[in-house]
């Protein structure tokens, strides 16, 4: 609809109040609302929650399930660095 108005009357007419104030243009604006709300709540709203959760967990010790292998690094007697899981096997 707006593209047709651009082709008939020019870009500035299609962006002006004469076109955007019509009942059809207003209806299309309101018809977009449900899709915009879905995008906001499902796509964007989780970002602040994830950000806050990550920020609040900084400095806490990580939760390691029992029986999990540690990924930390330890030194051998000769000073060589090896994964802690290898050090536990010896």
PDB file of N, CA and C in Angstrom:
ATOM      1  N   UNK A   1       0.822  -1.184   0.000  1.00  0.00           N
ATOM      2  CA  UNK A   1       0.000   0.000   0.000  1.00  0.00           C
ATOM      3  C   UNK A   1       0.873   1.258   0.000  1.00  0.00           C
ATOM      4  N   UNK A   2       1.837   1.287   0.905  1.00  0.00           N
ATOM      5  CA  UNK A   2       2.697   2.459   0.967  1.00  0.00           C
ATOM      6  C   UNK A   2       3.609   2.516  -0.255  1.00  0.00           C
ATOM      7  N   UNK A   3       4.057   1.362  -0.727  1.00  0.00           N
ATOM      8  CA  UNK A   3       4.871   1.332  -1.930  1.00  0.00           C
ATOM      9  C   UNK A   3       4.089   1.874  -3.124  1.00  0.00           C
ATOM     10  N   UNK A   4       2.833   1.517  -3.230  1.00  0.00           N
ATOM     11  CA  UNK A   4       1.992   2.031  -4.311  1.00  0.00           C
ATOM     12  C   UNK A   4       1.888   3.555  -4.222  1.00  0.00           C
ATOM     13  N   UNK A   5       1.735   4.074  -3.011  1.00  0.00           N
ATOM     14  CA  UNK A   5       1.651   5.527  -2.834  1.00  0.00           C
ATOM     15  C   UNK A   5       2.978   6.199  -3.199  1.00  0.00           C
ATOM     16  N   UNK A   6       4.088   5.546  -2.896  1.00  0.00           N
ATOM     17  CA  UNK A   6       5.395   6.086  -3.273  1.00  0.00           C
ATOM     18  C   UNK A   6       5.493   6.175  -4.791  1.00  0.00           C
ATOM     19  N   UNK A   7       5.082   5.118  -5.473  1.00  0.00           N
ATOM     20  CA  UNK A   7       5.178   5.101  -6.932  1.00  0.00           C
ATOM     21  C   UNK A   7       4.236   6.110  -7.580  1.00  0.00           C
ATOM     22  N   UNK A   8       3.083   6.350  -6.961  1.00  0.00           N
ATOM     23  CA  UNK A   8       2.111   7.274  -7.538  1.00  0.00           C
ATOM     24  C   UNK A   8       2.410   8.735  -7.199  1.00  0.00           C
ATOM     25  N   UNK A   9       2.756   9.014  -5.939  1.00  0.00           N
ATOM     26  CA  UNK A   9       2.859  10.397  -5.471  1.00  0.00           C
ATOM     27  C   UNK A   9       4.244  10.814  -4.990  1.00  0.00           C
ATOM     28  N   UNK A  10       5.151   9.869  -4.844  1.00  0.00           N
ATOM     29  CA  UNK A  10       6.485  10.206  -4.369  1.00  0.00           C
ATOM     30  C   UNK A  10       6.680   9.790  -2.914  1.00  0.00           C
ATOM     31  N   UNK A  11       7.964   9.708  -2.550  1.00  0.00           N
ATOM     32  CA  UNK A  11       8.344   9.221  -1.218  1.00  0.00           C
ATOM     33  C   UNK A  11       7.806  10.109  -0.100  1.00  0.00           C
ATOM     34  N   UNK A  12       7.948  11.421  -0.249  1.00  0.00           N
ATOM     35  CA  UNK A  12       7.585  12.320   0.834  1.00  0.00           C
ATOM     36  C   UNK A  12       6.093  12.316   1.099  1.00  0.00           C
ATOM     37  N   UNK A  13       5.291  12.073   0.070  1.00  0.00           N
ATOM     38  CA  UNK A  13       3.840  11.973   0.292  1.00  0.00           C
ATOM     39  C   UNK A  13       3.513  10.724   1.106  1.00  0.00           C
ATOM     40  N   UNK A  14       4.186   9.611   0.771  1.00  0.00           N
ATOM     41  CA  UNK A  14       3.921   8.348   1.466  1.00  0.00           C
ATOM     42  C   UNK A  14       4.398   8.383   2.913  1.00  0.00           C
ATOM     43  N   UNK A  15       5.339   9.271   3.230  1.00  0.00           N
ATOM     44  CA  UNK A  15       5.811   9.400   4.608  1.00  0.00           C
ATOM     45  C   UNK A  15       5.117  10.534   5.355  1.00  0.00           C
ATOM     46  N   UNK A  16       4.288  11.257   4.676  1.00  0.00           N
ATOM     47  CA  UNK A  16       3.618  12.399   5.285  1.00  0.00           C
ATOM     48  C   UNK A  16       2.346  12.012   6.018  1.00  0.00           C
ATOM     49  N   UNK A  17       1.756  13.006   6.682  1.00  0.00           N
ATOM     50  CA  UNK A  17       0.547  12.777   7.475  1.00  0.00           C
ATOM     51  C   UNK A  17      -0.659  12.437   6.602  1.00  0.00           C
ATOM     52  N   UNK A  18      -0.655  12.914   5.361  1.00  0.00           N
ATOM     53  CA  UNK A  18      -1.786  12.624   4.471  1.00  0.00           C
ATOM     54  C   UNK A  18      -1.948  11.122   4.265  1.00  0.00           C
ATOM     55  N   UNK A  19      -0.843  10.410   4.132  1.00  0.00           N
ATOM     56  CA  UNK A  19      -0.942   8.961   3.957  1.00  0.00           C
ATOM     57  C   UNK A  19      -1.000   8.243   5.307  1.00  0.00           C
ATOM     58  N   UNK A  20      -0.087   8.585   6.203  1.00  0.00           N
ATOM     59  CA  UNK A  20      -0.006   7.862   7.480  1.00  0.00           C
ATOM     60  C   UNK A  20      -1.216   8.106   8.374  1.00  0.00           C
ATOM     61  N   UNK A  21      -1.973   9.137   8.105  1.00  0.00           N
ATOM     62  CA  UNK A  21      -3.173   9.416   8.888  1.00  0.00           C
ATOM     63  C   UNK A  21      -4.418   8.715   8.378  1.00  0.00           C
ATOM     64  N   UNK A  22      -4.303   7.991   7.260  1.00  0.00           N
ATOM     65  CA  UNK A  22      -5.470   7.290   6.726  1.00  0.00           C
ATOM     66  C   UNK A  22      -5.838   6.108   7.605  1.00  0.00           C
ATOM     67  N   UNK A  23      -7.087   5.684   7.497  1.00  0.00           N
ATOM     68  CA  UNK A  23      -7.562   4.583   8.345  1.00  0.00           C
ATOM     69  C   UNK A  23      -6.857   3.269   8.004  1.00  0.00           C
ATOM     70  N   UNK A  24      -6.508   3.050   6.744  1.00  0.00           N
ATOM     71  CA  UNK A  24      -5.828   1.810   6.359  1.00  0.00           C
ATOM     72  C   UNK A  24      -4.421   1.758   6.970  1.00  0.00           C
ATOM     73  N   UNK A  25      -3.700   2.865   6.911  1.00  0.00           N
ATOM     74  CA  UNK A  25      -2.351   2.893   7.487  1.00  0.00           C
ATOM     75  C   UNK A  25      -2.408   2.702   9.003  1.00  0.00           C
ATOM     76  N   UNK A  26      -3.392   3.295   9.637  1.00  0.00           N
ATOM     77  CA  UNK A  26      -3.537   3.123  11.097  1.00  0.00           C
ATOM     78  C   UNK A  26      -3.867   1.675  11.445  1.00  0.00           C
ATOM     79  N   UNK A  27      -4.713   1.044  10.628  1.00  0.00           N
ATOM     80  CA  UNK A  27      -5.072  -0.355  10.856  1.00  0.00           C
ATOM     81  C   UNK A  27      -3.837  -1.255  10.743  1.00  0.00           C
ATOM     82  N   UNK A  28      -3.009  -0.999   9.743  1.00  0.00           N
ATOM     83  CA  UNK A  28      -1.783  -1.793   9.564  1.00  0.00           C
ATOM     84  C   UNK A  28      -0.839  -1.587  10.752  1.00  0.00           C
ATOM     85  N   UNK A  29      -0.755  -0.364  11.254  1.00  0.00           N
ATOM     86  CA  UNK A  29       0.076  -0.104  12.436  1.00  0.00           C
ATOM     87  C   UNK A  29      -0.383  -0.936  13.624  1.00  0.00           C
ATOM     88  N   UNK A  30      -1.681  -0.956  13.870  1.00  0.00           N
ATOM     89  CA  UNK A  30      -2.205  -1.705  15.002  1.00  0.00           C
ATOM     90  C   UNK A  30      -2.134  -3.214  14.768  1.00  0.00           C
ATOM     91  N   UNK A  31      -2.210  -3.639  13.514  1.00  0.00           N
ATOM     92  CA  UNK A  31      -2.129  -5.071  13.211  1.00  0.00           C
ATOM     93  C   UNK A  31      -0.730  -5.618  13.501  1.00  0.00           C
ATOM     94  N   UNK A  32       0.271  -4.770  13.445  1.00  0.00           N
ATOM     95  CA  UNK A  32       1.649  -5.188  13.752  1.00  0.00           C
ATOM     96  C   UNK A  32       1.878  -5.421  15.238  1.00  0.00           C
ATOM     97  N   UNK A  33       1.051  -4.857  16.086  1.00  0.00           N
ATOM     98  CA  UNK A  33       1.284  -4.880  17.532  1.00  0.00           C
ATOM     99  C   UNK A  33       1.470  -6.279  18.116  1.00  0.00           C
ATOM    100  N   UNK A  34       0.616  -7.272  17.814  1.00  0.00           N
ATOM    101  CA  UNK A  34       0.839  -8.603  18.419  1.00  0.00           C
ATOM    102  C   UNK A  34       2.200  -9.203  18.069  1.00  0.00           C
ATOM    103  N   UNK A  35       2.617  -9.093  16.814  1.00  0.00           N
ATOM    104  CA  UNK A  35       3.916  -9.627  16.428  1.00  0.00           C
ATOM    105  C   UNK A  35       5.064  -8.899  17.111  1.00  0.00           C
ATOM    106  N   UNK A  36       4.943  -7.589  17.247  1.00  0.00           N
ATOM    107  CA  UNK A  36       5.976  -6.817  17.939  1.00  0.00           C
ATOM    108  C   UNK A  36       6.078  -7.216  19.403  1.00  0.00           C
ATOM    109  N   UNK A  37       4.939  -7.436  20.038  1.00  0.00           N
ATOM    110  CA  UNK A  37       4.952  -7.837  21.453  1.00  0.00           C
ATOM    111  C   UNK A  37       5.569  -9.217  21.642  1.00  0.00           C
ATOM    112  N   UNK A  38       5.274 -10.118  20.727  1.00  0.00           N
ATOM    113  CA  UNK A  38       5.884 -11.455  20.809  1.00  0.00           C
ATOM    114  C   UNK A  38       7.398 -11.338  20.694  1.00  0.00           C
ATOM    115  N   UNK A  39       7.869 -10.532  19.759  1.00  0.00           N
ATOM    116  CA  UNK A  39       9.312 -10.337  19.600  1.00  0.00           C
ATOM    117  C   UNK A  39       9.926  -9.746  20.858  1.00  0.00           C
ATOM    118  N   UNK A  40       9.259  -8.756  21.455  1.00  0.00           N
ATOM    119  CA  UNK A  40       9.805  -8.094  22.639  1.00  0.00           C
ATOM    120  C   UNK A  40       9.888  -9.061  23.810  1.00  0.00           C
ATOM    121  N   UNK A  41       8.806  -9.759  24.096  1.00  0.00           N
ATOM    122  CA  UNK A  41       8.777 -10.585  25.297  1.00  0.00           C
ATOM    123  C   UNK A  41       9.537 -11.896  25.152  1.00  0.00           C
ATOM    124  N   UNK A  42       9.530 -12.495  23.984  1.00  0.00           N
ATOM    125  CA  UNK A  42      10.224 -13.770  23.819  1.00  0.00           C
ATOM    126  C   UNK A  42      11.672 -13.566  23.375  1.00  0.00           C
ATOM    127  N   UNK A  43      11.929 -12.518  22.610  1.00  0.00           N
ATOM    128  CA  UNK A  43      13.261 -12.331  22.067  1.00  0.00           C
ATOM    129  C   UNK A  43      14.153 -11.408  22.853  1.00  0.00           C
ATOM    130  N   UNK A  44      13.604 -10.328  23.393  1.00  0.00           N
ATOM    131  CA  UNK A  44      14.439  -9.298  23.997  1.00  0.00           C
ATOM    132  C   UNK A  44      14.387  -9.313  25.524  1.00  0.00           C
ATOM    133  N   UNK A  45      13.244  -9.581  26.089  1.00  0.00           N
ATOM    134  CA  UNK A  45      13.096  -9.518  27.545  1.00  0.00           C
ATOM    135  C   UNK A  45      14.017 -10.479  28.306  1.00  0.00           C
ATOM    136  N   UNK A  46      14.337 -11.676  27.798  1.00  0.00           N
ATOM    137  CA  UNK A  46      15.262 -12.552  28.533  1.00  0.00           C
ATOM    138  C   UNK A  46      16.678 -12.000  28.654  1.00  0.00           C
ATOM    139  N   UNK A  47      17.083 -11.089  27.788  1.00  0.00           N
ATOM    140  CA  UNK A  47      18.456 -10.574  27.844  1.00  0.00           C
ATOM    141  C   UNK A  47      18.795  -9.895  29.168  1.00  0.00           C
ATOM    142  N   UNK A  48      17.960  -8.992  29.704  1.00  0.00           N
ATOM    143  CA  UNK A  48      18.301  -8.419  31.017  1.00  0.00           C
ATOM    144  C   UNK A  48      18.335  -9.469  32.129  1.00  0.00           C
ATOM    145  N   UNK A  49      17.459 -10.482  32.052  1.00  0.00           N
ATOM    146  CA  UNK A  49      17.445 -11.538  33.068  1.00  0.00           C
ATOM    147  C   UNK A  49      18.742 -12.344  33.017  1.00  0.00           C
ATOM    148  N   UNK A  50      19.181 -12.714  31.826  1.00  0.00           N
ATOM    149  CA  UNK A  50      20.430 -13.472  31.686  1.00  0.00           C
ATOM    150  C   UNK A  50      21.616 -12.624  32.110  1.00  0.00           C
ATOM    151  N   UNK A  51      21.597 -11.346  31.747  1.00  0.00           N
ATOM    152  CA  UNK A  51      22.680 -10.446  32.126  1.00  0.00           C
ATOM    153  C   UNK A  51      22.775 -10.318  33.640  1.00  0.00           C
ATOM    154  N   UNK A  52      21.644 -10.102  34.302  1.00  0.00           N
ATOM    155  CA  UNK A  52      21.636  -9.971  35.765  1.00  0.00           C
ATOM    156  C   UNK A  52      22.085 -11.268  36.430  1.00  0.00           C
ATOM    157  N   UNK A  53      21.619 -12.396  35.926  1.00  0.00           N
ATOM    158  CA  UNK A  53      21.996 -13.698  36.502  1.00  0.00           C
ATOM    159  C   UNK A  53      23.504 -13.919  36.382  1.00  0.00           C
ATOM    160  N   UNK A  54      24.055 -13.579  35.223  1.00  0.00           N
ATOM    161  CA  UNK A  54      25.499 -13.743  35.021  1.00  0.00           C
ATOM    162  C   UNK A  54      26.289 -12.788  35.899  1.00  0.00           C
ATOM    163  N   UNK A  55      25.847 -11.538  35.977  1.00  0.00           N
ATOM    164  CA  UNK A  55      26.543 -10.543  36.791  1.00  0.00           C
ATOM    165  C   UNK A  55      26.548 -10.935  38.263  1.00  0.00           C
ATOM    166  N   UNK A  56      25.422 -11.442  38.760  1.00  0.00           N
ATOM    167  CA  UNK A  56      25.344 -11.816  40.172  1.00  0.00           C
ATOM    168  C   UNK A  56      26.149 -13.080  40.485  1.00  0.00           C
ATOM    169  N   UNK A  57      26.438 -13.901  39.476  1.00  0.00           N
ATOM    170  CA  UNK A  57      27.194 -15.126  39.739  1.00  0.00           C
ATOM    171  C   UNK A  57      28.705 -14.919  39.647  1.00  0.00           C
ATOM    172  N   UNK A  58      29.141 -13.729  39.258  1.00  0.00           N
ATOM    173  CA  UNK A  58      30.577 -13.461  39.176  1.00  0.00           C
ATOM    174  C   UNK A  58      31.171 -13.525  40.586  1.00  0.00           C
ATOM    175  N   UNK A  59      32.239 -14.250  40.738  1.00  0.00           N
ATOM    176  CA  UNK A  59      32.902 -14.354  42.037  1.00  0.00           C
ATOM    177  C   UNK A  59      32.455 -15.549  42.861  1.00  0.00           C
ATOM    178  N   UNK A  60      31.360 -16.165  42.504  1.00  0.00           N
ATOM    179  CA  UNK A  60      30.916 -17.361  43.221  1.00  0.00           C
ATOM    180  C   UNK A  60      31.674 -18.575  42.701  1.00  0.00           C
ATOM    181  N   UNK A  61      31.838 -19.555  43.547  1.00  0.00           N
ATOM    182  CA  UNK A  61      32.483 -20.796  43.114  1.00  0.00           C
ATOM    183  C   UNK A  61      31.537 -21.527  42.174  1.00  0.00           C
ATOM    184  N   UNK A  62      32.045 -22.095  41.110  1.00  0.00           N
ATOM    185  CA  UNK A  62      31.171 -22.825  40.192  1.00  0.00           C
ATOM    186  C   UNK A  62      30.621 -24.081  40.846  1.00  0.00           C
ATOM    187  N   UNK A  63      29.422 -24.443  40.470  1.00  0.00           N
ATOM    188  CA  UNK A  63      28.781 -25.648  40.997  1.00  0.00           C
ATOM    189  C   UNK A  63      29.254 -26.818  40.151  1.00  0.00           C
ATOM    190  N   UNK A  64      29.926 -27.775  40.795  1.00  0.00           N
ATOM    191  CA  UNK A  64      30.439 -28.946  40.090  1.00  0.00           C
ATOM    192  C   UNK A  64      29.705 -30.160  40.630  1.00  0.00           C
ATOM    193  N   UNK A  65      29.014 -30.901  39.777  1.00  0.00           N
ATOM    194  CA  UNK A  65      28.297 -32.091  40.249  1.00  0.00           C
ATOM    195  C   UNK A  65      29.266 -33.134  40.802  1.00  0.00           C
ATOM    196  N   UNK A  66      28.782 -33.957  41.724  1.00  0.00           N
ATOM    197  CA  UNK A  66      29.645 -34.978  42.302  1.00  0.00           C
ATOM    198  C   UNK A  66      30.058 -35.970  41.215  1.00  0.00           C
ATOM    199  N   UNK A  67      31.301 -36.379  41.246  1.00  0.00           N
ATOM    200  CA  UNK A  67      31.820 -37.309  40.262  1.00  0.00           C
ATOM    201  C   UNK A  67      32.331 -36.635  38.999  1.00  0.00           C
ATOM    202  N   UNK A  68      32.208 -35.336  38.917  1.00  0.00           N
ATOM    203  CA  UNK A  68      32.677 -34.620  37.730  1.00  0.00           C
ATOM    204  C   UNK A  68      34.194 -34.489  37.769  1.00  0.00           C
ATOM    205  N   UNK A  69      34.785 -34.427  36.615  1.00  0.00           N
ATOM    206  CA  UNK A  69      36.233 -34.292  36.510  1.00  0.00           C
ATOM    207  C   UNK A  69      36.594 -32.813  36.568  1.00  0.00           C
ATOM    208  N   UNK A  70      37.553 -32.464  37.382  1.00  0.00           N
ATOM    209  CA  UNK A  70      38.008 -31.087  37.496  1.00  0.00           C
ATOM    210  C   UNK A  70      38.838 -30.714  36.274  1.00  0.00           C
ATOM    211  N   UNK A  71      38.690 -29.509  35.799  1.00  0.00           N
ATOM    212  CA  UNK A  71      39.443 -29.052  34.639  1.00  0.00           C
ATOM    213  C   UNK A  71      40.563 -28.090  35.020  1.00  0.00           C
ATOM    214  N   UNK A  72      40.896 -28.055  36.311  1.00  0.00           N
ATOM    215  CA  UNK A  72      41.960 -27.150  36.734  1.00  0.00           C
ATOM    216  C   UNK A  72      43.320 -27.738  36.365  1.00  0.00           C
ATOM    217  N   UNK A  73      44.349 -26.917  36.469  1.00  0.00           N
ATOM    218  CA  UNK A  73      45.705 -27.328  36.089  1.00  0.00           C
ATOM    219  C   UNK A  73      46.572 -27.378  37.343  1.00  0.00           C
ATOM    220  N   UNK A  74      47.370 -28.423  37.440  1.00  0.00           N
ATOM    221  CA  UNK A  74      48.272 -28.570  38.584  1.00  0.00           C
ATOM    222  C   UNK A  74      49.702 -28.753  38.082  1.00  0.00           C
ATOM    223  N   UNK A  75      50.661 -28.541  38.970  1.00  0.00           N
ATOM    224  CA  UNK A  75      52.084 -28.722  38.636  1.00  0.00           C
ATOM    225  C   UNK A  75      52.553 -30.087  39.120  1.00  0.00           C
ATOM    226  N   UNK A  76      53.410 -30.694  38.318  1.00  0.00           N
ATOM    227  CA  UNK A  76      54.034 -31.945  38.741  1.00  0.00           C
ATOM    228  C   UNK A  76      55.235 -31.612  39.621  1.00  0.00           C
ATOM    229  N   UNK A  77      55.940 -32.640  40.113  1.00  0.00           N
ATOM    230  CA  UNK A  77      57.119 -32.402  40.948  1.00  0.00           C
ATOM    231  C   UNK A  77      58.209 -31.687  40.168  1.00  0.00           C
ATOM    232  N   UNK A  78      58.260 -31.925  38.887  1.00  0.00           N
ATOM    233  CA  UNK A  78      59.284 -31.287  38.054  1.00  0.00           C
ATOM    234  C   UNK A  78      58.855 -29.908  37.561  1.00  0.00           C
ATOM    235  N   UNK A  79      57.660 -29.449  37.930  1.00  0.00           N
ATOM    236  CA  UNK A  79      57.211 -28.123  37.558  1.00  0.00           C
ATOM    237  C   UNK A  79      56.424 -28.050  36.268  1.00  0.00           C
ATOM    238  N   UNK A  80      56.169 -29.207  35.666  1.00  0.00           N
ATOM    239  CA  UNK A  80      55.405 -29.222  34.427  1.00  0.00           C
ATOM    240  C   UNK A  80      53.913 -29.082  34.724  1.00  0.00           C
ATOM    241  N   UNK A  81      53.189 -28.325  33.906  1.00  0.00           N
ATOM    242  CA  UNK A  81      51.752 -28.143  34.100  1.00  0.00           C
ATOM    243  C   UNK A  81      50.979 -29.269  33.420  1.00  0.00           C
ATOM    244  N   UNK A  82      50.049 -29.866  34.167  1.00  0.00           N
ATOM    245  CA  UNK A  82      49.201 -30.914  33.606  1.00  0.00           C
ATOM    246  C   UNK A  82      47.775 -30.715  34.122  1.00  0.00           C
ATOM    247  N   UNK A  83      46.779 -31.222  33.398  1.00  0.00           N
ATOM    248  CA  UNK A  83      45.406 -31.133  33.895  1.00  0.00           C
ATOM    249  C   UNK A  83      45.239 -31.896  35.206  1.00  0.00           C
ATOM    250  N   UNK A  84      44.379 -31.407  36.074  1.00  0.00           N
ATOM    251  CA  UNK A  84      44.208 -32.034  37.391  1.00  0.00           C
ATOM    252  C   UNK A  84      43.681 -33.445  37.272  1.00  0.00           C
ATOM    253  N   UNK A  85      42.891 -33.734  36.236  1.00  0.00           N
ATOM    254  CA  UNK A  85      42.369 -35.098  36.064  1.00  0.00           C
ATOM    255  C   UNK A  85      43.504 -36.090  35.838  1.00  0.00           C
ATOM    256  N   UNK A  86      44.545 -35.698  35.142  1.00  0.00           N
ATOM    257  CA  UNK A  86      45.706 -36.563  34.923  1.00  0.00           C
ATOM    258  C   UNK A  86      46.448 -36.734  36.240  1.00  0.00           C
ATOM    259  N   UNK A  87      46.566 -35.648  37.023  1.00  0.00           N
ATOM    260  CA  UNK A  87      47.262 -35.715  38.312  1.00  0.00           C
ATOM    261  C   UNK A  87      46.523 -36.643  39.274  1.00  0.00           C
ATOM    262  N   UNK A  88      45.200 -36.717  39.201  1.00  0.00           N
ATOM    263  CA  UNK A  88      44.438 -37.572  40.099  1.00  0.00           C
ATOM    264  C   UNK A  88      44.637 -39.049  39.761  1.00  0.00           C
ATOM    265  N   UNK A  89      44.862 -39.381  38.491  1.00  0.00           N
ATOM    266  CA  UNK A  89      45.030 -40.778  38.079  1.00  0.00           C
ATOM    267  C   UNK A  89      46.337 -41.362  38.572  1.00  0.00           C
ATOM    268  N   UNK A  90      47.350 -40.524  38.783  1.00  0.00           N
ATOM    269  CA  UNK A  90      48.678 -41.038  39.161  1.00  0.00           C
ATOM    270  C   UNK A  90      48.730 -41.444  40.611  1.00  0.00           C
TER     271      UNK A  90
END
